Amino acid sequence: RALGEVTKFLVYNARKRQTGGDSAANYFLRTECVAGVQDMRFQEL
């Protein structure tokens, strides 16, 4: 999502290690906690 692979893999770890497991309910939240945003692809261009 234009965040880069390092950030993506950090998010993977955060998702898998959170209480309750890798839940769809917290999918975007864990990305935002690590990266500050959910997505930086910005499809405007």
ModelCIF file with pLDDT and N, C-alpha, C, O atoms, coordinates in Angstrom:
data_MODEL
#
_entry.id   MODEL 
#
_entity.id                         1 
_entity.type                       polymer 
_entity.pdbx_number_of_molecules   1 
#
_entity_poly.entity_id                      1 
_entity_poly.type                           'polypeptide(L)' 
_entity_poly.nstd_linkage                   no 
_entity_poly.nstd_monomer                   no 
_entity_poly.pdbx_seq_one_letter_code       RALGEVTKFLVYNARKRQTGGDSAANYFLRTECVAGVQDMRFQEL 
_entity_poly.pdbx_seq_one_letter_code_can   RALGEVTKFLVYNARKRQTGGDSAANYFLRTECVAGVQDMRFQEL 
_entity_poly.pdbx_strand_id                 A 
#
loop_
_entity_poly_seq.entity_id 
_entity_poly_seq.num 
_entity_poly_seq.mon_id 
_entity_poly_seq.hetero 
1 1  ARG n 
1 2  ALA n 
1 3  LEU n 
1 4  GLY n 
1 5  GLU n 
1 6  VAL n 
1 7  THR n 
1 8  LYS n 
1 9  PHE n 
1 10 LEU n 
1 11 VAL n 
1 12 TYR n 
1 13 ASN n 
1 14 ALA n 
1 15 ARG n 
1 16 LYS n 
1 17 ARG n 
1 18 GLN n 
1 19 THR n 
1 20 GLY n 
1 21 GLY n 
1 22 ASP n 
1 23 SER n 
1 24 ALA n 
1 25 ALA n 
1 26 ASN n 
1 27 TYR n 
1 28 PHE n 
1 29 LEU n 
1 30 ARG n 
1 31 THR n 
1 32 GLU n 
1 33 CYS n 
1 34 VAL n 
1 35 ALA n 
1 36 GLY n 
1 37 VAL n 
1 38 GLN n 
1 39 ASP n 
1 40 MET n 
1 41 ARG n 
1 42 PHE n 
1 43 GLN n 
1 44 GLU n 
1 45 LEU n 
#
_struct_asym.id          A 
_struct_asym.entity_id   1 
#
loop_
_ma_qa_metric.id 
_ma_qa_metric.mode 
_ma_qa_metric.name 
_ma_qa_metric.software_group_id 
_ma_qa_metric.type 
1 global pLDDT . pLDDT 
2 local  pLDDT . pLDDT 
#
_ma_qa_metric_global.metric_id      1 
_ma_qa_metric_global.metric_value   90.20 
_ma_qa_metric_global.model_id       1 
_ma_qa_metric_global.ordinal_id     1 
#
loop_
_ma_qa_metric_local.label_asym_id 
_ma_qa_metric_local.label_comp_id 
_ma_qa_metric_local.label_seq_id 
_ma_qa_metric_local.metric_id 
_ma_qa_metric_local.metric_value 
_ma_qa_metric_local.model_id 
_ma_qa_metric_local.ordinal_id 
A ARG 1  2 87.00 1 1  
A ALA 2  2 85.00 1 2  
A LEU 3  2 89.00 1 3  
A GLY 4  2 91.00 1 4  
A GLU 5  2 92.00 1 5  
A VAL 6  2 94.00 1 6  
A THR 7  2 93.00 1 7  
A LYS 8  2 93.00 1 8  
A PHE 9  2 93.00 1 9  
A LEU 10 2 94.00 1 10 
A VAL 11 2 92.00 1 11 
A TYR 12 2 92.00 1 12 
A ASN 13 2 93.00 1 13 
A ALA 14 2 92.00 1 14 
A ARG 15 2 92.00 1 15 
A LYS 16 2 94.00 1 16 
A ARG 17 2 93.00 1 17 
A GLN 18 2 91.00 1 18 
A THR 19 2 91.00 1 19 
A GLY 20 2 89.00 1 20 
A GLY 21 2 91.00 1 21 
A ASP 22 2 92.00 1 22 
A SER 23 2 92.00 1 23 
A ALA 24 2 93.00 1 24 
A ALA 25 2 91.00 1 25 
A ASN 26 2 90.00 1 26 
A TYR 27 2 90.00 1 27 
A PHE 28 2 89.00 1 28 
A LEU 29 2 88.00 1 29 
A ARG 30 2 85.00 1 30 
A THR 31 2 88.00 1 31 
A GLU 32 2 88.00 1 32 
A CYS 33 2 88.00 1 33 
A VAL 34 2 88.00 1 34 
A ALA 35 2 89.00 1 35 
A GLY 36 2 89.00 1 36 
A VAL 37 2 86.00 1 37 
A GLN 38 2 86.00 1 38 
A ASP 39 2 85.00 1 39 
A MET 40 2 85.00 1 40 
A ARG 41 2 86.00 1 41 
A PHE 42 2 87.00 1 42 
A GLN 43 2 93.00 1 43 
A GLU 44 2 94.00 1 44 
A LEU 45 2 96.00 1 45 
#
loop_
_atom_site.group_PDB 
_atom_site.id 
_atom_site.type_symbol 
_atom_site.label_atom_id 
_atom_site.label_alt_id 
_atom_site.label_comp_id 
_atom_site.label_asym_id 
_atom_site.label_entity_id 
_atom_site.label_seq_id 
_atom_site.pdbx_PDB_ins_code 
_atom_site.Cartn_x 
_atom_site.Cartn_y 
_atom_site.Cartn_z 
_atom_site.occupancy 
_atom_site.B_iso_or_equiv 
_atom_site.pdbx_formal_charge 
_atom_site.auth_seq_id 
_atom_site.auth_comp_id 
_atom_site.auth_asym_id 
_atom_site.auth_atom_id 
_atom_site.pdbx_PDB_model_num 
ATOM 1   N N  . ARG A 1 1  ? 0.831   -1.212  0.000   1.00 87.00 ? 1  ARG A N  1 
ATOM 2   C CA . ARG A 1 1  ? 0.000   0.000   0.000   1.00 87.00 ? 1  ARG A CA 1 
ATOM 3   C C  . ARG A 1 1  ? 0.862   1.257   0.000   1.00 87.00 ? 1  ARG A C  1 
ATOM 4   O O  . ARG A 1 1  ? 0.485   2.284   0.564   1.00 87.00 ? 1  ARG A O  1 
ATOM 5   N N  . ALA A 1 2  ? 2.013   1.161   -0.635  1.00 85.00 ? 2  ALA A N  1 
ATOM 6   C CA . ALA A 1 2  ? 2.999   2.239   -0.717  1.00 85.00 ? 2  ALA A CA 1 
ATOM 7   C C  . ALA A 1 2  ? 3.607   2.570   0.640   1.00 85.00 ? 2  ALA A C  1 
ATOM 8   O O  . ALA A 1 2  ? 4.198   3.634   0.820   1.00 85.00 ? 2  ALA A O  1 
ATOM 9   N N  . LEU A 1 3  ? 3.459   1.661   1.585   1.00 89.00 ? 3  LEU A N  1 
ATOM 10  C CA . LEU A 1 3  ? 4.094   1.818   2.891   1.00 89.00 ? 3  LEU A CA 1 
ATOM 11  C C  . LEU A 1 3  ? 5.450   1.123   2.921   1.00 89.00 ? 3  LEU A C  1 
ATOM 12  O O  . LEU A 1 3  ? 6.276   1.412   3.787   1.00 89.00 ? 3  LEU A O  1 
ATOM 13  N N  . GLY A 1 4  ? 5.683   0.212   1.986   1.00 91.00 ? 4  GLY A N  1 
ATOM 14  C CA . GLY A 1 4  ? 6.931   -0.534  1.925   1.00 91.00 ? 4  GLY A CA 1 
ATOM 15  C C  . GLY A 1 4  ? 6.829   -1.872  2.640   1.00 91.00 ? 4  GLY A C  1 
ATOM 16  O O  . GLY A 1 4  ? 5.951   -2.085  3.476   1.00 91.00 ? 4  GLY A O  1 
ATOM 17  N N  . GLU A 1 5  ? 7.740   -2.764  2.295   1.00 92.00 ? 5  GLU A N  1 
ATOM 18  C CA . GLU A 1 5  ? 7.674   -4.123  2.856   1.00 92.00 ? 5  GLU A CA 1 
ATOM 19  C C  . GLU A 1 5  ? 8.028   -4.178  4.331   1.00 92.00 ? 5  GLU A C  1 
ATOM 20  O O  . GLU A 1 5  ? 7.447   -4.980  5.063   1.00 92.00 ? 5  GLU A O  1 
ATOM 21  N N  . VAL A 1 6  ? 8.963   -3.350  4.796   1.00 94.00 ? 6  VAL A N  1 
ATOM 22  C CA . VAL A 1 6  ? 9.309   -3.387  6.221   1.00 94.00 ? 6  VAL A CA 1 
ATOM 23  C C  . VAL A 1 6  ? 8.077   -3.056  7.056   1.00 94.00 ? 6  VAL A C  1 
ATOM 24  O O  . VAL A 1 6  ? 7.744   -3.775  7.998   1.00 94.00 ? 6  VAL A O  1 
ATOM 25  N N  . THR A 1 7  ? 7.403   -1.964  6.705   1.00 93.00 ? 7  THR A N  1 
ATOM 26  C CA . THR A 1 7  ? 6.188   -1.599  7.429   1.00 93.00 ? 7  THR A CA 1 
ATOM 27  C C  . THR A 1 7  ? 5.130   -2.681  7.305   1.00 93.00 ? 7  THR A C  1 
ATOM 28  O O  . THR A 1 7  ? 4.444   -2.998  8.277   1.00 93.00 ? 7  THR A O  1 
ATOM 29  N N  . LYS A 1 8  ? 4.994   -3.248  6.112   1.00 93.00 ? 8  LYS A N  1 
ATOM 30  C CA . LYS A 1 8  ? 3.988   -4.298  5.905   1.00 93.00 ? 8  LYS A CA 1 
ATOM 31  C C  . LYS A 1 8  ? 4.242   -5.494  6.798   1.00 93.00 ? 8  LYS A C  1 
ATOM 32  O O  . LYS A 1 8  ? 3.310   -6.033  7.396   1.00 93.00 ? 8  LYS A O  1 
ATOM 33  N N  . PHE A 1 9  ? 5.507   -5.920  6.898   1.00 93.00 ? 9  PHE A N  1 
ATOM 34  C CA . PHE A 1 9  ? 5.809   -7.085  7.729   1.00 93.00 ? 9  PHE A CA 1 
ATOM 35  C C  . PHE A 1 9  ? 5.637   -6.773  9.215   1.00 93.00 ? 9  PHE A C  1 
ATOM 36  O O  . PHE A 1 9  ? 5.238   -7.644  9.986   1.00 93.00 ? 9  PHE A O  1 
ATOM 37  N N  . LEU A 1 10 ? 5.934   -5.541  9.621   1.00 94.00 ? 10 LEU A N  1 
ATOM 38  C CA . LEU A 1 10 ? 5.673   -5.143  11.003  1.00 94.00 ? 10 LEU A CA 1 
ATOM 39  C C  . LEU A 1 10 ? 4.181   -5.230  11.315  1.00 94.00 ? 10 LEU A C  1 
ATOM 40  O O  . LEU A 1 10 ? 3.780   -5.669  12.393  1.00 94.00 ? 10 LEU A O  1 
ATOM 41  N N  . VAL A 1 11 ? 3.379   -4.807  10.358  1.00 92.00 ? 11 VAL A N  1 
ATOM 42  C CA . VAL A 1 11 ? 1.920   -4.891  10.522  1.00 92.00 ? 11 VAL A CA 1 
ATOM 43  C C  . VAL A 1 11 ? 1.485   -6.347  10.623  1.00 92.00 ? 11 VAL A C  1 
ATOM 44  O O  . VAL A 1 11 ? 0.636   -6.682  11.449  1.00 92.00 ? 11 VAL A O  1 
ATOM 45  N N  . TYR A 1 12 ? 2.057   -7.219  9.793   1.00 92.00 ? 12 TYR A N  1 
ATOM 46  C CA . TYR A 1 12 ? 1.726   -8.641  9.883   1.00 92.00 ? 12 TYR A CA 1 
ATOM 47  C C  . TYR A 1 12 ? 1.967   -9.159  11.298  1.00 92.00 ? 12 TYR A C  1 
ATOM 48  O O  . TYR A 1 12 ? 1.114   -9.834  11.874  1.00 92.00 ? 12 TYR A O  1 
ATOM 49  N N  . ASN A 1 13 ? 3.130   -8.839  11.849  1.00 93.00 ? 13 ASN A N  1 
ATOM 50  C CA . ASN A 1 13 ? 3.438   -9.295  13.202  1.00 93.00 ? 13 ASN A CA 1 
ATOM 51  C C  . ASN A 1 13 ? 2.447   -8.743  14.217  1.00 93.00 ? 13 ASN A C  1 
ATOM 52  O O  . ASN A 1 13 ? 1.979   -9.468  15.095  1.00 93.00 ? 13 ASN A O  1 
ATOM 53  N N  . ALA A 1 14 ? 2.131   -7.460  14.095  1.00 92.00 ? 14 ALA A N  1 
ATOM 54  C CA . ALA A 1 14 ? 1.191   -6.839  15.028  1.00 92.00 ? 14 ALA A CA 1 
ATOM 55  C C  . ALA A 1 14 ? -0.188  -7.484  14.930  1.00 92.00 ? 14 ALA A C  1 
ATOM 56  O O  . ALA A 1 14 ? -0.850  -7.702  15.945  1.00 92.00 ? 14 ALA A O  1 
ATOM 57  N N  . ARG A 1 15 ? -0.617  -7.785  13.715  1.00 92.00 ? 15 ARG A N  1 
ATOM 58  C CA . ARG A 1 15 ? -1.917  -8.428  13.536  1.00 92.00 ? 15 ARG A CA 1 
ATOM 59  C C  . ARG A 1 15 ? -1.940  -9.815  14.157  1.00 92.00 ? 15 ARG A C  1 
ATOM 60  O O  . ARG A 1 15 ? -2.897  -10.181 14.839  1.00 92.00 ? 15 ARG A O  1 
ATOM 61  N N  . LYS A 1 16 ? -0.889  -10.581 13.921  1.00 94.00 ? 16 LYS A N  1 
ATOM 62  C CA . LYS A 1 16 ? -0.881  -11.973 14.370  1.00 94.00 ? 16 LYS A CA 1 
ATOM 63  C C  . LYS A 1 16 ? -0.704  -12.099 15.887  1.00 94.00 ? 16 LYS A C  1 
ATOM 64  O O  . LYS A 1 16 ? -1.141  -13.081 16.485  1.00 94.00 ? 16 LYS A O  1 
ATOM 65  N N  . ARG A 1 17 ? -0.054  -11.089 16.513  1.00 93.00 ? 17 ARG A N  1 
ATOM 66  C CA . ARG A 1 17 ? 0.251   -11.181 17.946  1.00 93.00 ? 17 ARG A CA 1 
ATOM 67  C C  . ARG A 1 17 ? -0.756  -10.467 18.838  1.00 93.00 ? 17 ARG A C  1 
ATOM 68  O O  . ARG A 1 17 ? -0.656  -10.553 20.062  1.00 93.00 ? 17 ARG A O  1 
ATOM 69  N N  . GLN A 1 18 ? -1.717  -9.771  18.259  1.00 91.00 ? 18 GLN A N  1 
ATOM 70  C CA . GLN A 1 18 ? -2.660  -9.021  19.082  1.00 91.00 ? 18 GLN A CA 1 
ATOM 71  C C  . GLN A 1 18 ? -3.582  -9.969  19.848  1.00 91.00 ? 18 GLN A C  1 
ATOM 72  O O  . GLN A 1 18 ? -3.793  -11.114 19.448  1.00 91.00 ? 18 GLN A O  1 
ATOM 73  N N  . THR A 1 19 ? -4.119  -9.471  20.948  1.00 91.00 ? 19 THR A N  1 
ATOM 74  C CA . THR A 1 19 ? -5.048  -10.259 21.752  1.00 91.00 ? 19 THR A CA 1 
ATOM 75  C C  . THR A 1 19 ? -6.266  -10.633 20.918  1.00 91.00 ? 19 THR A C  1 
ATOM 76  O O  . THR A 1 19 ? -6.901  -9.770  20.310  1.00 91.00 ? 19 THR A O  1 
ATOM 77  N N  . GLY A 1 20 ? -6.583  -11.904 20.892  1.00 89.00 ? 20 GLY A N  1 
ATOM 78  C CA . GLY A 1 20 ? -7.712  -12.364 20.094  1.00 89.00 ? 20 GLY A CA 1 
ATOM 79  C C  . GLY A 1 20 ? -7.324  -12.833 18.710  1.00 89.00 ? 20 GLY A C  1 
ATOM 80  O O  . GLY A 1 20 ? -8.161  -13.348 17.968  1.00 89.00 ? 20 GLY A O  1 
ATOM 81  N N  . GLY A 1 21 ? -6.045  -12.656 18.350  1.00 91.00 ? 21 GLY A N  1 
ATOM 82  C CA . GLY A 1 21 ? -5.577  -13.136 17.061  1.00 91.00 ? 21 GLY A CA 1 
ATOM 83  C C  . GLY A 1 21 ? -5.808  -12.148 15.925  1.00 91.00 ? 21 GLY A C  1 
ATOM 84  O O  . GLY A 1 21 ? -6.231  -11.013 16.144  1.00 91.00 ? 21 GLY A O  1 
ATOM 85  N N  . ASP A 1 22 ? -5.523  -12.602 14.714  1.00 92.00 ? 22 ASP A N  1 
ATOM 86  C CA . ASP A 1 22 ? -5.604  -11.769 13.511  1.00 92.00 ? 22 ASP A CA 1 
ATOM 87  C C  . ASP A 1 22 ? -7.057  -11.645 13.073  1.00 92.00 ? 22 ASP A C  1 
ATOM 88  O O  . ASP A 1 22 ? -7.529  -12.401 12.224  1.00 92.00 ? 22 ASP A O  1 
ATOM 89  N N  . SER A 1 23 ? -7.753  -10.688 13.662  1.00 92.00 ? 23 SER A N  1 
ATOM 90  C CA . SER A 1 23 ? -9.184  -10.541 13.437  1.00 92.00 ? 23 SER A CA 1 
ATOM 91  C C  . SER A 1 23 ? -9.487  -9.550  12.324  1.00 92.00 ? 23 SER A C  1 
ATOM 92  O O  . SER A 1 23 ? -8.840  -8.508  12.223  1.00 92.00 ? 23 SER A O  1 
ATOM 93  N N  . ALA A 1 24 ? -10.472 -9.873  11.486  1.00 93.00 ? 24 ALA A N  1 
ATOM 94  C CA . ALA A 1 24 ? -10.902 -8.959  10.426  1.00 93.00 ? 24 ALA A CA 1 
ATOM 95  C C  . ALA A 1 24 ? -11.432 -7.655  11.007  1.00 93.00 ? 24 ALA A C  1 
ATOM 96  O O  . ALA A 1 24 ? -11.376 -6.615  10.351  1.00 93.00 ? 24 ALA A O  1 
ATOM 97  N N  . ALA A 1 25 ? -11.944 -7.703  12.226  1.00 91.00 ? 25 ALA A N  1 
ATOM 98  C CA . ALA A 1 25 ? -12.492 -6.506  12.856  1.00 91.00 ? 25 ALA A CA 1 
ATOM 99  C C  . ALA A 1 25 ? -11.416 -5.463  13.132  1.00 91.00 ? 25 ALA A C  1 
ATOM 100 O O  . ALA A 1 25 ? -11.709 -4.269  13.185  1.00 91.00 ? 25 ALA A O  1 
ATOM 101 N N  . ASN A 1 26 ? -10.166 -5.910  13.309  1.00 90.00 ? 26 ASN A N  1 
ATOM 102 C CA . ASN A 1 26 ? -9.055  -4.989  13.609  1.00 90.00 ? 26 ASN A CA 1 
ATOM 103 C C  . ASN A 1 26 ? -8.060  -4.877  12.458  1.00 90.00 ? 26 ASN A C  1 
ATOM 104 O O  . ASN A 1 26 ? -6.946  -4.389  12.650  1.00 90.00 ? 26 ASN A O  1 
ATOM 105 N N  . TYR A 1 27 ? -8.447  -5.320  11.270  1.00 90.00 ? 27 TYR A N  1 
ATOM 106 C CA . TYR A 1 27 ? -7.527  -5.382  10.131  1.00 90.00 ? 27 TYR A CA 1 
ATOM 107 C C  . TYR A 1 27 ? -6.899  -4.026  9.823   1.00 90.00 ? 27 TYR A C  1 
ATOM 108 O O  . TYR A 1 27 ? -5.675  -3.919  9.746   1.00 90.00 ? 27 TYR A O  1 
ATOM 109 N N  . PHE A 1 28 ? -7.708  -3.003  9.648   1.00 89.00 ? 28 PHE A N  1 
ATOM 110 C CA . PHE A 1 28 ? -7.181  -1.687  9.297   1.00 89.00 ? 28 PHE A CA 1 
ATOM 111 C C  . PHE A 1 28 ? -6.548  -0.987  10.502  1.00 89.00 ? 28 PHE A C  1 
ATOM 112 O O  . PHE A 1 28 ? -5.611  -0.204  10.344  1.00 89.00 ? 28 PHE A O  1 
ATOM 113 N N  . LEU A 1 29 ? -7.054  -1.267  11.702  1.00 88.00 ? 29 LEU A N  1 
ATOM 114 C CA . LEU A 1 29 ? -6.540  -0.616  12.905  1.00 88.00 ? 29 LEU A CA 1 
ATOM 115 C C  . LEU A 1 29 ? -5.070  -0.913  13.122  1.00 88.00 ? 29 LEU A C  1 
ATOM 116 O O  . LEU A 1 29 ? -4.299  -0.019  13.470  1.00 88.00 ? 29 LEU A O  1 
ATOM 117 N N  . ARG A 1 30 ? -4.673  -2.166  12.919  1.00 85.00 ? 30 ARG A N  1 
ATOM 118 C CA . ARG A 1 30 ? -3.274  -2.524  13.176  1.00 85.00 ? 30 ARG A CA 1 
ATOM 119 C C  . ARG A 1 30 ? -2.350  -1.843  12.163  1.00 85.00 ? 30 ARG A C  1 
ATOM 120 O O  . ARG A 1 30 ? -1.235  -1.458  12.515  1.00 85.00 ? 30 ARG A O  1 
ATOM 121 N N  . THR A 1 31 ? -2.790  -1.689  10.925  1.00 88.00 ? 31 THR A N  1 
ATOM 122 C CA . THR A 1 31 ? -1.989  -0.957  9.946   1.00 88.00 ? 31 THR A CA 1 
ATOM 123 C C  . THR A 1 31 ? -1.813  0.487   10.369  1.00 88.00 ? 31 THR A C  1 
ATOM 124 O O  . THR A 1 31 ? -0.710  1.030   10.304  1.00 88.00 ? 31 THR A O  1 
ATOM 125 N N  . GLU A 1 32 ? -2.894  1.106   10.800  1.00 88.00 ? 32 GLU A N  1 
ATOM 126 C CA . GLU A 1 32 ? -2.842  2.518   11.175  1.00 88.00 ? 32 GLU A CA 1 
ATOM 127 C C  . GLU A 1 32 ? -1.983  2.728   12.416  1.00 88.00 ? 32 GLU A C  1 
ATOM 128 O O  . GLU A 1 32 ? -1.302  3.747   12.529  1.00 88.00 ? 32 GLU A O  1 
ATOM 129 N N  . CYS A 1 33 ? -2.007  1.767   13.355  1.00 88.00 ? 33 CYS A N  1 
ATOM 130 C CA . CYS A 1 33 ? -1.185  1.898   14.565  1.00 88.00 ? 33 CYS A CA 1 
ATOM 131 C C  . CYS A 1 33 ? 0.301   1.921   14.222  1.00 88.00 ? 33 CYS A C  1 
ATOM 132 O O  . CYS A 1 33 ? 1.070   2.661   14.836  1.00 88.00 ? 33 CYS A O  1 
ATOM 133 N N  . VAL A 1 34 ? 0.705   1.115   13.246  1.00 88.00 ? 34 VAL A N  1 
ATOM 134 C CA . VAL A 1 34 ? 2.120   1.042   12.870  1.00 88.00 ? 34 VAL A CA 1 
ATOM 135 C C  . VAL A 1 34 ? 2.504   2.169   11.915  1.00 88.00 ? 34 VAL A C  1 
ATOM 136 O O  . VAL A 1 34 ? 3.513   2.844   12.122  1.00 88.00 ? 34 VAL A O  1 
ATOM 137 N N  . ALA A 1 35 ? 1.703   2.374   10.872  1.00 89.00 ? 35 ALA A N  1 
ATOM 138 C CA . ALA A 1 35 ? 2.076   3.295   9.794   1.00 89.00 ? 35 ALA A CA 1 
ATOM 139 C C  . ALA A 1 35 ? 1.540   4.707   9.968   1.00 89.00 ? 35 ALA A C  1 
ATOM 140 O O  . ALA A 1 35 ? 2.058   5.647   9.365   1.00 89.00 ? 35 ALA A O  1 
ATOM 141 N N  . GLY A 1 36 ? 0.513   4.863   10.784  1.00 89.00 ? 36 GLY A N  1 
ATOM 142 C CA . GLY A 1 36 ? -0.092  6.180   10.949  1.00 89.00 ? 36 GLY A CA 1 
ATOM 143 C C  . GLY A 1 36 ? -1.250  6.423   10.008  1.00 89.00 ? 36 GLY A C  1 
ATOM 144 O O  . GLY A 1 36 ? -2.071  7.310   10.241  1.00 89.00 ? 36 GLY A O  1 
ATOM 145 N N  . VAL A 1 37 ? -1.321  5.633   8.935   1.00 86.00 ? 37 VAL A N  1 
ATOM 146 C CA . VAL A 1 37 ? -2.423  5.701   7.973   1.00 86.00 ? 37 VAL A CA 1 
ATOM 147 C C  . VAL A 1 37 ? -2.775  4.278   7.559   1.00 86.00 ? 37 VAL A C  1 
ATOM 148 O O  . VAL A 1 37 ? -1.986  3.352   7.752   1.00 86.00 ? 37 VAL A O  1 
ATOM 149 N N  . GLN A 1 38 ? -3.960  4.113   6.993   1.00 86.00 ? 38 GLN A N  1 
ATOM 150 C CA . GLN A 1 38 ? -4.354  2.794   6.504   1.00 86.00 ? 38 GLN A CA 1 
ATOM 151 C C  . GLN A 1 38 ? -3.734  2.476   5.157   1.00 86.00 ? 38 GLN A C  1 
ATOM 152 O O  . GLN A 1 38 ? -3.478  1.313   4.845   1.00 86.00 ? 38 GLN A O  1 
ATOM 153 N N  . ASP A 1 39 ? -3.493  3.507   4.359   1.00 85.00 ? 39 ASP A N  1 
ATOM 154 C CA . ASP A 1 39 ? -3.105  3.287   2.968   1.00 85.00 ? 39 ASP A CA 1 
ATOM 155 C C  . ASP A 1 39 ? -2.443  4.551   2.448   1.00 85.00 ? 39 ASP A C  1 
ATOM 156 O O  . ASP A 1 39 ? -2.935  5.650   2.699   1.00 85.00 ? 39 ASP A O  1 
ATOM 157 N N  . MET A 1 40 ? -1.322  4.415   1.719   1.00 85.00 ? 40 MET A N  1 
ATOM 158 C CA . MET A 1 40 ? -0.680  5.588   1.123   1.00 85.00 ? 40 MET A CA 1 
ATOM 159 C C  . MET A 1 40 ? -0.554  5.459   -0.398  1.00 85.00 ? 40 MET A C  1 
ATOM 160 O O  . MET A 1 40 ? 0.281   6.122   -1.013  1.00 85.00 ? 40 MET A O  1 
ATOM 161 N N  . ARG A 1 41 ? -1.375  4.615   -0.994  1.00 86.00 ? 41 ARG A N  1 
ATOM 162 C CA . ARG A 1 41 ? -1.295  4.462   -2.452  1.00 86.00 ? 41 ARG A CA 1 
ATOM 163 C C  . ARG A 1 41 ? -1.889  5.655   -3.185  1.00 86.00 ? 41 ARG A C  1 
ATOM 164 O O  . ARG A 1 41 ? -1.473  5.960   -4.302  1.00 86.00 ? 41 ARG A O  1 
ATOM 165 N N  . PHE A 1 42 ? -2.845  6.327   -2.583  1.00 87.00 ? 42 PHE A N  1 
ATOM 166 C CA . PHE A 1 42 ? -3.416  7.541   -3.156  1.00 87.00 ? 42 PHE A CA 1 
ATOM 167 C C  . PHE A 1 42 ? -3.677  7.387   -4.654  1.00 87.00 ? 42 PHE A C  1 
ATOM 168 O O  . PHE A 1 42 ? -2.828  7.724   -5.480  1.00 87.00 ? 42 PHE A O  1 
ATOM 169 N N  . GLN A 1 43 ? -4.838  6.884   -4.986  1.00 93.00 ? 43 GLN A N  1 
ATOM 170 C CA . GLN A 1 43 ? -5.153  6.547   -6.374  1.00 93.00 ? 43 GLN A CA 1 
ATOM 171 C C  . GLN A 1 43 ? -5.430  7.764   -7.259  1.00 93.00 ? 43 GLN A C  1 
ATOM 172 O O  . GLN A 1 43 ? -5.781  7.609   -8.429  1.00 93.00 ? 43 GLN A O  1 
ATOM 173 N N  . GLU A 1 44 ? -5.276  8.968   -6.712  1.00 94.00 ? 44 GLU A N  1 
ATOM 174 C CA . GLU A 1 44 ? -5.556  10.171  -7.490  1.00 94.00 ? 44 GLU A CA 1 
ATOM 175 C C  . GLU A 1 44 ? -4.763  10.245  -8.795  1.00 94.00 ? 44 GLU A C  1 
ATOM 176 O O  . GLU A 1 44 ? -5.263  10.761  -9.794  1.00 94.00 ? 44 GLU A O  1 
ATOM 177 N N  . LEU A 1 45 ? -3.534  9.734   -8.791  1.00 96.00 ? 45 LEU A N  1 
ATOM 178 C CA . LEU A 1 45 ? -2.691  9.806   -9.987  1.00 96.00 ? 45 LEU A CA 1 
ATOM 179 C C  . LEU A 1 45 ? -2.845  8.592   -10.900 1.00 96.00 ? 45 LEU A C  1 
ATOM 180 O O  . LEU A 1 45 ? -2.196  8.518   -11.944 1.00 96.00 ? 45 LEU A O  1 
#
